Amino acid sequence: MKKSLTALAVAAAISVPAIASAESTWYGRTHVSLENFDDAGWKINGVSNRANSIGVKGSMDTNLMDFKAIYKLEAGVDLEQGKKVTGLGKEHDTYVGMSSKSIGTVRAGTVESPVKSTAKIVDPLFTTSFEGRGALGLTSGGEASSGDGKGRSTNAVRYDSPNIAGLKVSALYNLNPTAKDNIDIAAVYKMKDMTFFVDHYIMQSGDGGNGTAATKLGTKLKFGAVQVSGHYELDAGKISGDPDDTQSVLFANAAYTMGATMLTFSYGMKGDGSASDSTKKGSSGMALAVAQKVNKKGKIYAGWGQTKSNADGAEAQTMMAIGMSQKF
């Protein structure tokens, strides 16, 4: 497998000279919210650079079968700090690659992991204050942030197969210099208003010790104006980062759409299966929100959320937020 992935990476590197003459598209996203945690006062939050970004992407034909050379260069923007730009070449998608309708797509660099790609399927509030992986902590940390084995995987090569009768397979290999055999494989099957997926992530330690892994199963079903979705993660240390401290994570969402308005309810639960002390007994959370499309790529939203740790004596924390997101 390593040899085949290395060959794909070389093919991606060969495409670099062609990128200079490719037609480019500038794009971006802005998101800002007014939030109140536990009655601590309202505050404008623009610090989420995963939701604020600017980038350029492009592709061009090659003389190799039906392959196109592709590239993407994206940076996160911290709106709370004004001019600060972070993540160029590190925290956001930054890659070169080759794409073919008949064979598939390979990308090398900093690439979104399949574990994060599948999270988008079940979470209609992705990249807002009420997303499952965000402040409410309704999904695993493995789908957030960037780095080796994270939602955006650095030092990575990813392959995506073409659509075969509704089935697409993705495989990511992480070239982490301090570990080995970090592999993320996902299969997504779509049929009309039904989507099913499975994802398996393996991380091996570099010193020959025990590695970590996680398997995620999920679905999204549509019934007219109603959509239900969710996933369940079976953990062997990948989520917690410790093979001796396993977790299980459940996330579920129900949404009802009326024209340009969407009402949504999310629930999440984490359980620490092997934790013995009172500070590691898992947590749960929920969120109610309404989102209104203001144009094709923009929306405003408002909602309420609550999280609670299962640790002894822990109190629930609440959040209220009003926000706006706009793509361009």
C-alpha atoms as a PDB file:
ATOM      1  CA  MET A   1       0.000   0.000   0.000  1.00  0.00           C
ATOM      2  CA  LYS A   2       2.874   2.351   0.859  1.00  0.00           C
ATOM      3  CA  LYS A   3       4.371   1.873  -2.618  1.00  0.00           C
ATOM      4  CA  SER A   4       1.086   2.632  -4.366  1.00  0.00           C
ATOM      5  CA  LEU A   5       0.496   5.730  -2.250  1.00  0.00           C
ATOM      6  CA  THR A   6       4.054   6.906  -2.911  1.00  0.00           C
ATOM      7  CA  ALA A   7       3.447   6.524  -6.640  1.00  0.00           C
ATOM      8  CA  LEU A   8       0.274   8.577  -6.363  1.00  0.00           C
ATOM      9  CA  ALA A   9       2.163  11.268  -4.464  1.00  0.00           C
ATOM     10  CA  VAL A  10       4.803  11.392  -7.221  1.00  0.00           C
ATOM     11  CA  ALA A  11       2.038  11.766  -9.817  1.00  0.00           C
ATOM     12  CA  ALA A  12       0.644  14.666  -7.813  1.00  0.00           C
ATOM     13  CA  ALA A  13       4.062  16.321  -7.621  1.00  0.00           C
ATOM     14  CA  ILE A  14       4.519  16.054 -11.392  1.00  0.00           C
ATOM     15  CA  SER A  15       1.451  18.267 -11.799  1.00  0.00           C
ATOM     16  CA  VAL A  16       3.016  21.243  -9.981  1.00  0.00           C
ATOM     17  CA  PRO A  17       4.574  22.959 -13.068  1.00  0.00           C
ATOM     18  CA  ALA A  18       1.208  22.876 -14.815  1.00  0.00           C
ATOM     19  CA  ILE A  19      -0.511  24.646 -11.937  1.00  0.00           C
ATOM     20  CA  ALA A  20       1.245  27.917 -12.746  1.00  0.00           C
ATOM     21  CA  SER A  21      -0.818  28.268 -15.915  1.00  0.00           C
ATOM     22  CA  ALA A  22      -4.087  26.905 -14.526  1.00  0.00           C
ATOM     23  CA  GLU A  23      -7.227  29.016 -14.355  1.00  0.00           C
ATOM     24  CA  SER A  24      -7.825  29.940 -10.730  1.00  0.00           C
ATOM     25  CA  THR A  25     -10.923  30.587  -8.632  1.00  0.00           C
ATOM     26  CA  TRP A  26     -10.843  32.672  -5.478  1.00  0.00           C
ATOM     27  CA  TYR A  27     -13.301  31.691  -2.772  1.00  0.00           C
ATOM     28  CA  GLY A  28     -13.906  32.077   0.939  1.00  0.00           C
ATOM     29  CA  ARG A  29     -16.240  31.993   3.900  1.00  0.00           C
ATOM     30  CA  THR A  30     -16.971  34.464   6.694  1.00  0.00           C
ATOM     31  CA  HIS A  31     -18.715  33.591   9.926  1.00  0.00           C
ATOM     32  CA  VAL A  32     -19.340  35.691  12.999  1.00  0.00           C
ATOM     33  CA  SER A  33     -21.601  35.085  16.003  1.00  0.00           C
ATOM     34  CA  LEU A  34     -22.842  36.815  19.130  1.00  0.00           C
ATOM     35  CA  GLU A  35     -22.566  34.286  21.974  1.00  0.00           C
ATOM     36  CA  ASN A  36     -23.379  34.045  25.673  1.00  0.00           C
ATOM     37  CA  PHE A  37     -21.923  31.195  27.739  1.00  0.00           C
ATOM     38  CA  ASP A  38     -23.481  30.548  31.154  1.00  0.00           C
ATOM     39  CA  ASP A  39     -24.813  34.105  31.522  1.00  0.00           C
ATOM     40  CA  ALA A  40     -21.263  35.456  31.382  1.00  0.00           C
ATOM     41  CA  GLY A  41     -22.322  38.208  29.016  1.00  0.00           C
ATOM     42  CA  TRP A  42     -22.655  38.506  25.259  1.00  0.00           C
ATOM     43  CA  LYS A  43     -19.496  38.484  23.170  1.00  0.00           C
ATOM     44  CA  ILE A  44     -18.775  38.666  19.455  1.00  0.00           C
ATOM     45  CA  ASN A  45     -16.884  35.545  18.421  1.00  0.00           C
ATOM     46  CA  GLY A  46     -14.978  35.545  15.166  1.00  0.00           C
ATOM     47  CA  VAL A  47     -12.074  33.428  16.349  1.00  0.00           C
ATOM     48  CA  SER A  48     -13.228  30.219  14.672  1.00  0.00           C
ATOM     49  CA  ASN A  49     -10.760  30.171  11.796  1.00  0.00           C
ATOM     50  CA  ARG A  50     -12.097  26.790  10.681  1.00  0.00           C
ATOM     51  CA  ALA A  51     -15.207  28.721   9.599  1.00  0.00           C
ATOM     52  CA  ASN A  52     -13.440  31.864   8.324  1.00  0.00           C
ATOM     53  CA  SER A  53     -11.172  31.293   5.380  1.00  0.00           C
ATOM     54  CA  ILE A  54      -9.938  32.561   2.065  1.00  0.00           C
ATOM     55  CA  GLY A  55      -8.344  30.508  -0.665  1.00  0.00           C
ATOM     56  CA  VAL A  56      -7.605  29.884  -4.292  1.00  0.00           C
ATOM     57  CA  LYS A  57      -8.149  26.664  -6.219  1.00  0.00           C
ATOM     58  CA  GLY A  58      -7.805  25.577  -9.803  1.00  0.00           C
ATOM     59  CA  SER A  59      -7.459  22.793 -12.353  1.00  0.00           C
ATOM     60  CA  MET A  60      -6.315  22.329 -15.901  1.00  0.00           C
ATOM     61  CA  ASP A  61      -6.244  19.607 -18.530  1.00  0.00           C
ATOM     62  CA  THR A  62      -3.183  17.420 -19.035  1.00  0.00           C
ATOM     63  CA  ASN A  63      -2.055  15.100 -21.832  1.00  0.00           C
ATOM     64  CA  LEU A  64      -2.337  12.080 -19.493  1.00  0.00           C
ATOM     65  CA  MET A  65      -5.588  10.236 -20.302  1.00  0.00           C
ATOM     66  CA  ASP A  66      -8.508  12.200 -18.792  1.00  0.00           C
ATOM     67  CA  PHE A  67      -6.489  13.485 -15.821  1.00  0.00           C
ATOM     68  CA  LYS A  68      -6.607  17.091 -14.682  1.00  0.00           C
ATOM     69  CA  ALA A  69      -3.989  18.767 -12.532  1.00  0.00           C
ATOM     70  CA  ILE A  70      -5.620  20.271  -9.444  1.00  0.00           C
ATOM     71  CA  TYR A  71      -4.525  22.429  -6.539  1.00  0.00           C
ATOM     72  CA  LYS A  72      -5.873  24.291  -3.539  1.00  0.00           C
ATOM     73  CA  LEU A  73      -4.292  26.855  -1.210  1.00  0.00           C
ATOM     74  CA  GLU A  74      -6.385  27.958   1.770  1.00  0.00           C
ATOM     75  CA  ALA A  75      -5.795  30.050   4.901  1.00  0.00           C
ATOM     76  CA  GLY A  76      -7.843  30.607   8.028  1.00  0.00           C
ATOM     77  CA  VAL A  77      -8.736  34.135   9.085  1.00  0.00           C
ATOM     78  CA  ASP A  78      -9.230  35.211  12.717  1.00  0.00           C
ATOM     79  CA  LEU A  79     -11.947  37.860  12.547  1.00  0.00           C
ATOM     80  CA  GLU A  80     -11.652  38.638  16.246  1.00  0.00           C
ATOM     81  CA  GLN A  81      -8.076  39.797  15.769  1.00  0.00           C
ATOM     82  CA  GLY A  82      -8.780  41.710  12.598  1.00  0.00           C
ATOM     83  CA  LYS A  83      -5.829  41.286  10.249  1.00  0.00           C
ATOM     84  CA  LYS A  84      -4.444  38.042  11.648  1.00  0.00           C
ATOM     85  CA  VAL A  85      -4.257  35.254   9.070  1.00  0.00           C
ATOM     86  CA  THR A  86      -3.384  31.739  10.225  1.00  0.00           C
ATOM     87  CA  GLY A  87      -2.959  28.288   8.824  1.00  0.00           C
ATOM     88  CA  LEU A  88      -1.499  29.033   5.393  1.00  0.00           C
ATOM     89  CA  GLY A  89      -0.074  25.706   4.274  1.00  0.00           C
ATOM     90  CA  LYS A  90      -0.766  24.076   7.629  1.00  0.00           C
ATOM     91  CA  GLU A  91      -4.214  24.318   9.189  1.00  0.00           C
ATOM     92  CA  HIS A  92      -6.345  24.454   6.050  1.00  0.00           C
ATOM     93  CA  ASP A  93      -6.468  22.443   2.849  1.00  0.00           C
ATOM     94  CA  THR A  94      -3.253  23.049   0.915  1.00  0.00           C
ATOM     95  CA  TYR A  95      -2.447  20.436  -1.711  1.00  0.00           C
ATOM     96  CA  VAL A  96      -1.676  19.504  -5.305  1.00  0.00           C
ATOM     97  CA  GLY A  97      -3.020  16.478  -7.100  1.00  0.00           C
ATOM     98  CA  MET A  98      -4.462  14.736 -10.135  1.00  0.00           C
ATOM     99  CA  SER A  99      -8.116  14.004 -10.863  1.00  0.00           C
ATOM    100  CA  SER A 100      -9.771  11.624 -13.312  1.00  0.00           C
ATOM    101  CA  LYS A 101     -13.474  10.851 -13.739  1.00  0.00           C
ATOM    102  CA  SER A 102     -12.669   7.226 -14.555  1.00  0.00           C
ATOM    103  CA  ILE A 103      -9.897   6.520 -12.013  1.00  0.00           C
ATOM    104  CA  GLY A 104     -10.467   8.958  -9.164  1.00  0.00           C
ATOM    105  CA  THR A 105      -8.640  11.783  -7.415  1.00  0.00           C
ATOM    106  CA  VAL A 106      -5.377  11.854  -5.479  1.00  0.00           C
ATOM    107  CA  ARG A 107      -4.209  14.812  -3.380  1.00  0.00           C
ATOM    108  CA  ALA A 108      -1.004  15.328  -1.430  1.00  0.00           C
ATOM    109  CA  GLY A 109      -0.321  17.931   1.262  1.00  0.00           C
ATOM    110  CA  THR A 110      -2.691  19.098   4.005  1.00  0.00           C
ATOM    111  CA  VAL A 111      -5.967  17.388   3.164  1.00  0.00           C
ATOM    112  CA  GLU A 112      -9.343  16.986   4.829  1.00  0.00           C
ATOM    113  CA  SER A 113      -9.568  13.527   6.412  1.00  0.00           C
ATOM    114  CA  PRO A 114     -12.435  11.166   5.534  1.00  0.00           C
ATOM    115  CA  VAL A 115     -13.399  11.196   9.230  1.00  0.00           C
ATOM    116  CA  LYS A 116     -14.173  14.915   8.883  1.00  0.00           C
ATOM    117  CA  SER A 117     -15.809  14.548   5.468  1.00  0.00           C
ATOM    118  CA  THR A 118     -18.323  12.092   6.914  1.00  0.00           C
ATOM    119  CA  ALA A 119     -19.077  14.448   9.840  1.00  0.00           C
ATOM    120  CA  LYS A 120     -20.392  17.009   7.325  1.00  0.00           C
ATOM    121  CA  ILE A 121     -22.966  14.498   6.123  1.00  0.00           C
ATOM    122  CA  VAL A 122     -24.790  14.271   9.451  1.00  0.00           C
ATOM    123  CA  ASP A 123     -24.421  17.834  10.790  1.00  0.00           C
ATOM    124  CA  PRO A 124     -26.513  20.537   9.052  1.00  0.00           C
ATOM    125  CA  LEU A 125     -25.055  23.146  11.446  1.00  0.00           C
ATOM    126  CA  PHE A 126     -21.453  22.414  10.421  1.00  0.00           C
ATOM    127  CA  THR A 127     -19.160  25.479  10.842  1.00  0.00           C
ATOM    128  CA  THR A 128     -21.626  27.360  13.064  1.00  0.00           C
ATOM    129  CA  SER A 129     -21.710  27.910  16.829  1.00  0.00           C
ATOM    130  CA  PHE A 130     -23.966  24.865  17.192  1.00  0.00           C
ATOM    131  CA  GLU A 131     -22.029  22.335  15.153  1.00  0.00           C
ATOM    132  CA  GLY A 132     -21.522  18.940  16.750  1.00  0.00           C
ATOM    133  CA  ARG A 133     -17.733  19.116  16.929  1.00  0.00           C
ATOM    134  CA  GLY A 134     -17.644  22.709  18.226  1.00  0.00           C
ATOM    135  CA  ALA A 135     -18.360  24.376  21.556  1.00  0.00           C
ATOM    136  CA  LEU A 136     -21.108  21.882  22.400  1.00  0.00           C
ATOM    137  CA  GLY A 137     -18.698  18.961  22.060  1.00  0.00           C
ATOM    138  CA  LEU A 138     -21.297  16.571  20.653  1.00  0.00           C
ATOM    139  CA  THR A 139     -18.863  14.662  18.436  1.00  0.00           C
ATOM    140  CA  SER A 140     -15.311  13.436  18.811  1.00  0.00           C
ATOM    141  CA  GLY A 141     -12.285  15.714  18.827  1.00  0.00           C
ATOM    142  CA  GLY A 142     -10.827  13.642  16.006  1.00  0.00           C
ATOM    143  CA  GLU A 143     -13.009  15.580  13.568  1.00  0.00           C
ATOM    144  CA  ALA A 144     -11.713  18.989  14.667  1.00  0.00           C
ATOM    145  CA  SER A 145      -8.463  20.965  14.313  1.00  0.00           C
ATOM    146  CA  SER A 146      -5.529  19.980  12.118  1.00  0.00           C
ATOM    147  CA  GLY A 147      -2.354  17.940  12.298  1.00  0.00           C
ATOM    148  CA  ASP A 148      -1.377  14.292  12.105  1.00  0.00           C
ATOM    149  CA  GLY A 149      -4.520  12.231  12.563  1.00  0.00           C
ATOM    150  CA  LYS A 150      -6.866  15.229  12.806  1.00  0.00           C
ATOM    151  CA  GLY A 151      -9.785  16.573  10.775  1.00  0.00           C
ATOM    152  CA  ARG A 152      -7.343  18.202   8.378  1.00  0.00           C
ATOM    153  CA  SER A 153      -4.435  15.834   8.108  1.00  0.00           C
ATOM    154  CA  THR A 154      -0.983  17.260   7.464  1.00  0.00           C
ATOM    155  CA  ASN A 155       1.718  15.269   5.682  1.00  0.00           C
ATOM    156  CA  ALA A 156      -1.012  13.276   3.974  1.00  0.00           C
ATOM    157  CA  VAL A 157      -1.948  11.594   0.711  1.00  0.00           C
ATOM    158  CA  ARG A 158      -5.660  11.024   0.030  1.00  0.00           C
ATOM    159  CA  TYR A 159      -7.343   9.027  -2.724  1.00  0.00           C
ATOM    160  CA  ASP A 160     -11.051   9.261  -3.633  1.00  0.00           C
ATOM    161  CA  SER A 161     -12.562   6.712  -5.992  1.00  0.00           C
ATOM    162  CA  PRO A 162     -15.056   7.590  -8.727  1.00  0.00           C
ATOM    163  CA  ASN A 163     -18.749   7.067  -8.016  1.00  0.00           C
ATOM    164  CA  ILE A 164     -19.608   3.433  -8.735  1.00  0.00           C
ATOM    165  CA  ALA A 165     -23.356   2.800  -8.546  1.00  0.00           C
ATOM    166  CA  GLY A 166     -23.660   5.224  -5.645  1.00  0.00           C
ATOM    167  CA  LEU A 167     -20.573   4.000  -3.763  1.00  0.00           C
ATOM    168  CA  LYS A 168     -17.448   6.090  -3.202  1.00  0.00           C
ATOM    169  CA  VAL A 169     -14.369   4.999  -1.245  1.00  0.00           C
ATOM    170  CA  SER A 170     -11.800   7.344   0.298  1.00  0.00           C
ATOM    171  CA  ALA A 171      -8.416   6.415   1.744  1.00  0.00           C
ATOM    172  CA  LEU A 172      -5.925   8.697   3.491  1.00  0.00           C
ATOM    173  CA  TYR A 173      -2.374   7.805   4.477  1.00  0.00           C
ATOM    174  CA  ASN A 174      -0.645  10.091   6.965  1.00  0.00           C
ATOM    175  CA  LEU A 175       3.157  10.340   6.679  1.00  0.00           C
ATOM    176  CA  ASN A 176       3.659  11.236  10.342  1.00  0.00           C
ATOM    177  CA  PRO A 177       7.418  11.140  11.075  1.00  0.00           C
ATOM    178  CA  THR A 178       6.793  10.230  14.737  1.00  0.00           C
ATOM    179  CA  ALA A 179       4.354   7.392  14.055  1.00  0.00           C
ATOM    180  CA  LYS A 180       3.618   4.821  11.371  1.00  0.00           C
ATOM    181  CA  ASP A 181       0.746   3.382   9.361  1.00  0.00           C
ATOM    182  CA  ASN A 182      -1.784   6.150  10.073  1.00  0.00           C
ATOM    183  CA  ILE A 183      -4.640   5.158   7.770  1.00  0.00           C
ATOM    184  CA  ASP A 184      -8.178   6.556   7.430  1.00  0.00           C
ATOM    185  CA  ILE A 185     -10.567   4.651   5.137  1.00  0.00           C
ATOM    186  CA  ALA A 186     -14.208   5.516   4.490  1.00  0.00           C
ATOM    187  CA  ALA A 187     -16.979   4.187   2.258  1.00  0.00           C
ATOM    188  CA  VAL A 188     -20.071   6.305   1.466  1.00  0.00           C
ATOM    189  CA  TYR A 189     -23.120   4.893  -0.299  1.00  0.00           C
ATOM    190  CA  LYS A 190     -25.893   7.168  -1.606  1.00  0.00           C
ATOM    191  CA  MET A 191     -29.220   6.036  -3.027  1.00  0.00           C
ATOM    192  CA  LYS A 192     -31.889   8.699  -3.647  1.00  0.00           C
ATOM    193  CA  ASP A 193     -32.705  10.151  -0.204  1.00  0.00           C
ATOM    194  CA  MET A 194     -30.568   7.697   1.763  1.00  0.00           C
ATOM    195  CA  THR A 195     -26.886   7.929   2.668  1.00  0.00           C
ATOM    196  CA  PHE A 196     -24.892   5.388   4.651  1.00  0.00           C
ATOM    197  CA  PHE A 197     -21.214   5.486   5.582  1.00  0.00           C
ATOM    198  CA  VAL A 198     -18.515   3.726   7.551  1.00  0.00           C
ATOM    199  CA  ASP A 199     -15.091   5.110   8.497  1.00  0.00           C
ATOM    200  CA  HIS A 200     -12.145   3.388  10.162  1.00  0.00           C
ATOM    201  CA  TYR A 201      -9.057   5.206  11.419  1.00  0.00           C
ATOM    202  CA  ILE A 202      -5.872   3.479  12.613  1.00  0.00           C
ATOM    203  CA  MET A 203      -2.943   5.263  14.265  1.00  0.00           C
ATOM    204  CA  GLN A 204       0.157   3.260  15.201  1.00  0.00           C
ATOM    205  CA  SER A 205       2.802   4.582  17.573  1.00  0.00           C
ATOM    206  CA  GLY A 206       6.317   4.994  16.242  1.00  0.00           C
ATOM    207  CA  ASP A 207       7.999   3.087  19.074  1.00  0.00           C
ATOM    208  CA  GLY A 208       6.205  -0.165  18.383  1.00  0.00           C
ATOM    209  CA  GLY A 209       3.741   0.310  21.249  1.00  0.00           C
ATOM    210  CA  ASN A 210      -0.015   0.004  21.179  1.00  0.00           C
ATOM    211  CA  GLY A 211      -1.758   2.137  18.615  1.00  0.00           C
ATOM    212  CA  THR A 212      -5.212   3.696  18.614  1.00  0.00           C
ATOM    213  CA  ALA A 213      -8.201   3.259  16.343  1.00  0.00           C
ATOM    214  CA  ALA A 214     -11.847   4.251  15.884  1.00  0.00           C
ATOM    215  CA  THR A 215     -14.716   3.050  13.704  1.00  0.00           C
ATOM    216  CA  LYS A 216     -17.650   5.297  12.810  1.00  0.00           C
ATOM    217  CA  LEU A 217     -21.006   4.228  11.380  1.00  0.00           C
ATOM    218  CA  GLY A 218     -23.547   6.785  10.198  1.00  0.00           C
ATOM    219  CA  THR A 219     -26.541   7.615   8.032  1.00  0.00           C
ATOM    220  CA  LYS A 220     -28.663  10.471   6.675  1.00  0.00           C
ATOM    221  CA  LEU A 221     -32.271   9.901   5.654  1.00  0.00           C
ATOM    222  CA  LYS A 222     -34.703  12.363   4.044  1.00  0.00           C
ATOM    223  CA  PHE A 223     -38.480  12.126   4.218  1.00  0.00           C
ATOM    224  CA  GLY A 224     -39.778  15.108   2.311  1.00  0.00           C
ATOM    225  CA  ALA A 225     -39.153  18.189   4.468  1.00  0.00           C
ATOM    226  CA  VAL A 226     -37.768  16.089   7.324  1.00  0.00           C
ATOM    227  CA  GLN A 227     -34.157  14.944   7.600  1.00  0.00           C
ATOM    228  CA  VAL A 228     -32.723  12.665  10.282  1.00  0.00           C
ATOM    229  CA  SER A 229     -29.042  11.855  10.573  1.00  0.00           C
ATOM    230  CA  GLY A 230     -26.476  10.590  13.005  1.00  0.00           C
ATOM    231  CA  HIS A 231     -23.381   8.529  13.649  1.00  0.00           C
ATOM    232  CA  TYR A 232     -21.929   6.287  16.339  1.00  0.00           C
ATOM    233  CA  GLU A 233     -18.206   5.994  16.959  1.00  0.00           C
ATOM    234  CA  LEU A 234     -16.714   2.845  18.437  1.00  0.00           C
ATOM    235  CA  ASP A 235     -13.430   3.896  19.962  1.00  0.00           C
ATOM    236  CA  ALA A 236     -10.203   2.108  20.804  1.00  0.00           C
ATOM    237  CA  GLY A 237      -8.247   5.181  21.883  1.00  0.00           C
ATOM    238  CA  LYS A 238      -8.358   7.318  18.733  1.00  0.00           C
ATOM    239  CA  ILE A 239     -10.877   9.793  20.167  1.00  0.00           C
ATOM    240  CA  SER A 240      -9.348  10.056  23.627  1.00  0.00           C
ATOM    241  CA  GLY A 241      -5.766   9.748  22.359  1.00  0.00           C
ATOM    242  CA  ASP A 242      -5.035   6.991  24.885  1.00  0.00           C
ATOM    243  CA  PRO A 243      -5.583   3.268  24.117  1.00  0.00           C
ATOM    244  CA  ASP A 244      -6.203   2.729  27.849  1.00  0.00           C
ATOM    245  CA  ASP A 245      -8.942   5.376  27.990  1.00  0.00           C
ATOM    246  CA  THR A 246     -11.562   4.457  25.401  1.00  0.00           C
ATOM    247  CA  GLN A 247     -14.672   6.420  24.498  1.00  0.00           C
ATOM    248  CA  SER A 248     -17.874   5.933  22.572  1.00  0.00           C
ATOM    249  CA  VAL A 249     -19.597   8.853  20.877  1.00  0.00           C
ATOM    250  CA  LEU A 250     -23.202   9.164  19.704  1.00  0.00           C
ATOM    251  CA  PHE A 251     -24.490  12.103  17.641  1.00  0.00           C
ATOM    252  CA  ALA A 252     -28.020  12.512  16.282  1.00  0.00           C
ATOM    253  CA  ASN A 253     -29.810  15.325  14.449  1.00  0.00           C
ATOM    254  CA  ALA A 254     -33.334  16.000  13.220  1.00  0.00           C
ATOM    255  CA  ALA A 255     -34.129  18.897  10.890  1.00  0.00           C
ATOM    256  CA  TYR A 256     -37.325  20.258   9.330  1.00  0.00           C
ATOM    257  CA  THR A 257     -37.149  22.614   6.344  1.00  0.00           C
ATOM    258  CA  MET A 258     -39.871  25.093   5.336  1.00  0.00           C
ATOM    259  CA  GLY A 259     -38.774  26.962   2.226  1.00  0.00           C
ATOM    260  CA  ALA A 260     -35.643  28.872   3.215  1.00  0.00           C
ATOM    261  CA  THR A 261     -36.092  28.186   6.953  1.00  0.00           C
ATOM    262  CA  MET A 262     -34.686  25.177   8.801  1.00  0.00           C
ATOM    263  CA  LEU A 263     -35.498  24.066  12.362  1.00  0.00           C
ATOM    264  CA  THR A 264     -32.992  21.639  13.846  1.00  0.00           C
ATOM    265  CA  PHE A 265     -32.325  19.666  17.020  1.00  0.00           C
ATOM    266  CA  SER A 266     -29.017  17.965  17.841  1.00  0.00           C
ATOM    267  CA  TYR A 267     -28.085  15.582  20.642  1.00  0.00           C
ATOM    268  CA  GLY A 268     -24.726  14.086  21.489  1.00  0.00           C
ATOM    269  CA  MET A 269     -23.313  11.784  24.137  1.00  0.00           C
ATOM    270  CA  LYS A 270     -19.791  10.693  25.031  1.00  0.00           C
ATOM    271  CA  GLY A 271     -19.026   7.764  27.294  1.00  0.00           C
ATOM    272  CA  ASP A 272     -15.637   6.890  28.818  1.00  0.00           C
ATOM    273  CA  GLY A 273     -15.719   3.113  28.969  1.00  0.00           C
ATOM    274  CA  SER A 274     -12.529   2.505  30.926  1.00  0.00           C
ATOM    275  CA  ALA A 275     -12.170   5.681  32.986  1.00  0.00           C
ATOM    276  CA  SER A 276     -12.089   5.070  36.739  1.00  0.00           C
ATOM    277  CA  ASP A 277     -11.961   8.564  38.258  1.00  0.00           C
ATOM    278  CA  SER A 278     -14.853  11.006  38.623  1.00  0.00           C
ATOM    279  CA  THR A 279     -13.391  13.515  36.144  1.00  0.00           C
ATOM    280  CA  LYS A 280     -13.700  11.105  33.198  1.00  0.00           C
ATOM    281  CA  LYS A 281     -17.252   9.854  33.074  1.00  0.00           C
ATOM    282  CA  GLY A 282     -18.270  11.246  29.729  1.00  0.00           C
ATOM    283  CA  SER A 283     -20.666  14.054  28.852  1.00  0.00           C
ATOM    284  CA  SER A 284     -23.811  14.891  26.905  1.00  0.00           C
ATOM    285  CA  GLY A 285     -25.168  17.908  25.076  1.00  0.00           C
ATOM    286  CA  MET A 286     -28.048  19.215  23.005  1.00  0.00           C
ATOM    287  CA  ALA A 287     -28.854  22.174  20.776  1.00  0.00           C
ATOM    288  CA  LEU A 288     -32.008  23.775  19.341  1.00  0.00           C
ATOM    289  CA  ALA A 289     -31.564  26.207  16.452  1.00  0.00           C
ATOM    290  CA  VAL A 290     -33.285  27.897  13.549  1.00  0.00           C
ATOM    291  CA  ALA A 291     -31.440  28.875  10.365  1.00  0.00           C
ATOM    292  CA  GLN A 292     -32.683  31.175   7.613  1.00  0.00           C
ATOM    293  CA  LYS A 293     -31.135  31.366   4.145  1.00  0.00           C
ATOM    294  CA  VAL A 294     -30.616  34.963   3.082  1.00  0.00           C
ATOM    295  CA  ASN A 295     -29.149  34.107  -0.334  1.00  0.00           C
ATOM    296  CA  LYS A 296     -27.798  31.094  -2.177  1.00  0.00           C
ATOM    297  CA  LYS A 297     -24.628  30.883  -0.073  1.00  0.00           C
ATOM    298  CA  GLY A 298     -25.525  32.808   3.070  1.00  0.00           C
ATOM    299  CA  LYS A 299     -27.601  32.192   6.206  1.00  0.00           C
ATOM    300  CA  ILE A 300     -28.362  33.615   9.613  1.00  0.00           C
ATOM    301  CA  TYR A 301     -29.141  31.448  12.625  1.00  0.00           C
ATOM    302  CA  ALA A 302     -30.035  31.569  16.316  1.00  0.00           C
ATOM    303  CA  GLY A 303     -30.249  28.927  18.975  1.00  0.00           C
ATOM    304  CA  TRP A 304     -29.757  27.543  22.465  1.00  0.00           C
ATOM    305  CA  GLY A 305     -27.502  24.742  23.634  1.00  0.00           C
ATOM    306  CA  GLN A 306     -26.522  22.917  26.801  1.00  0.00           C
ATOM    307  CA  THR A 307     -23.707  20.543  27.768  1.00  0.00           C
ATOM    308  CA  LYS A 308     -23.192  18.568  30.941  1.00  0.00           C
ATOM    309  CA  SER A 309     -20.332  16.453  32.204  1.00  0.00           C
ATOM    310  CA  ASN A 310     -21.229  13.206  33.952  1.00  0.00           C
ATOM    311  CA  ALA A 311     -18.460  13.794  36.503  1.00  0.00           C
ATOM    312  CA  ASP A 312     -19.565  13.938  40.127  1.00  0.00           C
ATOM    313  CA  GLY A 313     -20.957  17.352  41.068  1.00  0.00           C
ATOM    314  CA  ALA A 314     -20.688  18.801  37.559  1.00  0.00           C
ATOM    315  CA  GLU A 315     -23.215  21.454  36.536  1.00  0.00           C
ATOM    316  CA  ALA A 316     -24.754  21.967  33.127  1.00  0.00           C
ATOM    317  CA  GLN A 317     -23.431  24.785  30.940  1.00  0.00           C
ATOM    318  CA  THR A 318     -25.704  26.705  28.597  1.00  0.00           C
ATOM    319  CA  MET A 319     -25.031  28.698  25.448  1.00  0.00           C
ATOM    320  CA  MET A 320     -27.112  31.113  23.388  1.00  0.00           C
ATOM    321  CA  ALA A 321     -25.905  32.406  20.055  1.00  0.00           C
ATOM    322  CA  ILE A 322     -26.940  34.434  17.011  1.00  0.00           C
ATOM    323  CA  GLY A 323     -24.743  34.190  13.943  1.00  0.00           C
ATOM    324  CA  MET A 324     -24.307  34.706  10.234  1.00  0.00           C
ATOM    325  CA  SER A 325     -22.344  32.734   7.665  1.00  0.00           C
ATOM    326  CA  GLN A 326     -21.613  33.784   4.079  1.00  0.00           C
ATOM    327  CA  LYS A 327     -19.678  31.997   1.363  1.00  0.00           C
ATOM    328  CA  PHE A 328     -18.276  33.720  -1.695  1.00  0.00           C
END
